[in-house]
């Protein structure tokens, strides 16, 4: 298991810091893991799974829209 910091989460997702925290508050993004008094990180595999889910949703919508034509 690998823990990544916010900078890496932002790079991987191309989302802003405020969007990440907004999504977390609405249970739309993996929760952070407290690493210390003033330190948090995210589980890399959870962030990757979240991204893969976005890709799957996109592909599902594309397939369904093509089937309607």
C-alpha atoms as a PDB file:
ATOM      1  CA  UNK A   1       0.000   0.000   0.000  1.00  0.00           C
ATOM      2  CA  UNK A   2       1.307   3.428  -0.910  1.00  0.00           C
ATOM      3  CA  UNK A   3       0.249   6.721   0.656  1.00  0.00           C
ATOM      4  CA  UNK A   4       0.407   9.870  -1.459  1.00  0.00           C
ATOM      5  CA  UNK A   5       0.290  13.489  -0.376  1.00  0.00           C
ATOM      6  CA  UNK A   6      -2.043  16.223  -1.616  1.00  0.00           C
ATOM      7  CA  UNK A   7       0.407  17.502  -4.235  1.00  0.00           C
ATOM      8  CA  UNK A   8       0.415  14.084  -5.900  1.00  0.00           C
ATOM      9  CA  UNK A   9      -3.381  13.752  -5.647  1.00  0.00           C
ATOM     10  CA  UNK A  10      -3.714  17.102  -7.430  1.00  0.00           C
ATOM     11  CA  UNK A  11      -1.250  16.017 -10.130  1.00  0.00           C
ATOM     12  CA  UNK A  12      -2.914  12.628 -10.676  1.00  0.00           C
ATOM     13  CA  UNK A  13      -6.498  13.916 -10.791  1.00  0.00           C
ATOM     14  CA  UNK A  14      -5.935  17.380 -12.303  1.00  0.00           C
ATOM     15  CA  UNK A  15      -8.482  18.664  -9.784  1.00  0.00           C
ATOM     16  CA  UNK A  16      -8.033  21.675  -7.531  1.00  0.00           C
ATOM     17  CA  UNK A  17      -7.485  21.437  -3.782  1.00  0.00           C
ATOM     18  CA  UNK A  18     -10.909  22.944  -3.096  1.00  0.00           C
ATOM     19  CA  UNK A  19     -12.606  20.457  -5.428  1.00  0.00           C
ATOM     20  CA  UNK A  20     -10.890  17.515  -3.721  1.00  0.00           C
ATOM     21  CA  UNK A  21     -12.090  18.674  -0.297  1.00  0.00           C
ATOM     22  CA  UNK A  22     -15.573  19.488  -1.626  1.00  0.00           C
ATOM     23  CA  UNK A  23     -15.875  15.999  -3.147  1.00  0.00           C
ATOM     24  CA  UNK A  24     -14.662  14.427   0.112  1.00  0.00           C
ATOM     25  CA  UNK A  25     -17.258  16.362   2.115  1.00  0.00           C
ATOM     26  CA  UNK A  26     -19.950  14.928  -0.164  1.00  0.00           C
ATOM     27  CA  UNK A  27     -18.489  11.381  -0.087  1.00  0.00           C
ATOM     28  CA  UNK A  28     -17.549  11.648  -3.776  1.00  0.00           C
ATOM     29  CA  UNK A  29     -13.806  11.150  -3.306  1.00  0.00           C
ATOM     30  CA  UNK A  30     -11.671   8.852  -1.119  1.00  0.00           C
ATOM     31  CA  UNK A  31     -11.128  10.100   2.410  1.00  0.00           C
ATOM     32  CA  UNK A  32      -7.715  11.182   3.602  1.00  0.00           C
ATOM     33  CA  UNK A  33      -5.666   9.215   6.119  1.00  0.00           C
ATOM     34  CA  UNK A  34      -4.201  11.067   9.096  1.00  0.00           C
ATOM     35  CA  UNK A  35      -0.462  10.434   9.151  1.00  0.00           C
ATOM     36  CA  UNK A  36       0.518  12.655  12.038  1.00  0.00           C
ATOM     37  CA  UNK A  37      -0.400  15.787  13.946  1.00  0.00           C
ATOM     38  CA  UNK A  38      -0.391  18.015  10.848  1.00  0.00           C
ATOM     39  CA  UNK A  39      -0.036  15.511   8.040  1.00  0.00           C
ATOM     40  CA  UNK A  40      -2.512  13.647   5.850  1.00  0.00           C
ATOM     41  CA  UNK A  41      -2.318  11.468   2.777  1.00  0.00           C
ATOM     42  CA  UNK A  42      -4.459   9.326   0.519  1.00  0.00           C
ATOM     43  CA  UNK A  43      -4.201   5.660  -0.369  1.00  0.00           C
ATOM     44  CA  UNK A  44      -2.923   5.611  -3.952  1.00  0.00           C
ATOM     45  CA  UNK A  45      -5.007   2.579  -4.952  1.00  0.00           C
ATOM     46  CA  UNK A  46      -8.193   4.300  -3.713  1.00  0.00           C
ATOM     47  CA  UNK A  47      -7.457   7.403  -5.798  1.00  0.00           C
ATOM     48  CA  UNK A  48      -6.670   5.211  -8.820  1.00  0.00           C
ATOM     49  CA  UNK A  49      -9.924   3.276  -8.292  1.00  0.00           C
ATOM     50  CA  UNK A  50     -11.822   6.571  -8.143  1.00  0.00           C
ATOM     51  CA  UNK A  51     -10.254   7.649 -11.452  1.00  0.00           C
ATOM     52  CA  UNK A  52     -11.038   4.287 -13.048  1.00  0.00           C
ATOM     53  CA  UNK A  53     -14.660   4.664 -11.932  1.00  0.00           C
ATOM     54  CA  UNK A  54     -14.828   8.055 -13.700  1.00  0.00           C
ATOM     55  CA  UNK A  55     -13.484   6.430 -16.875  1.00  0.00           C
ATOM     56  CA  UNK A  56     -15.976   3.556 -16.597  1.00  0.00           C
ATOM     57  CA  UNK A  57     -18.848   6.025 -16.170  1.00  0.00           C
ATOM     58  CA  UNK A  58     -17.707   7.901 -19.257  1.00  0.00           C
ATOM     59  CA  UNK A  59     -17.441   4.734 -21.315  1.00  0.00           C
ATOM     60  CA  UNK A  60     -20.840   3.499 -20.120  1.00  0.00           C
ATOM     61  CA  UNK A  61     -22.473   6.795 -21.102  1.00  0.00           C
ATOM     62  CA  UNK A  62     -20.761   6.707 -24.502  1.00  0.00           C
ATOM     63  CA  UNK A  63     -21.909   3.144 -25.151  1.00  0.00           C
ATOM     64  CA  UNK A  64     -25.480   3.936 -24.152  1.00  0.00           C
ATOM     65  CA  UNK A  65     -25.655   7.081 -26.274  1.00  0.00           C
ATOM     66  CA  UNK A  66     -24.397   5.150 -29.303  1.00  0.00           C
ATOM     67  CA  UNK A  67     -27.011   2.443 -28.749  1.00  0.00           C
ATOM     68  CA  UNK A  68     -29.763   5.058 -28.868  1.00  0.00           C
ATOM     69  CA  UNK A  69     -28.849   6.097 -32.411  1.00  0.00           C
END
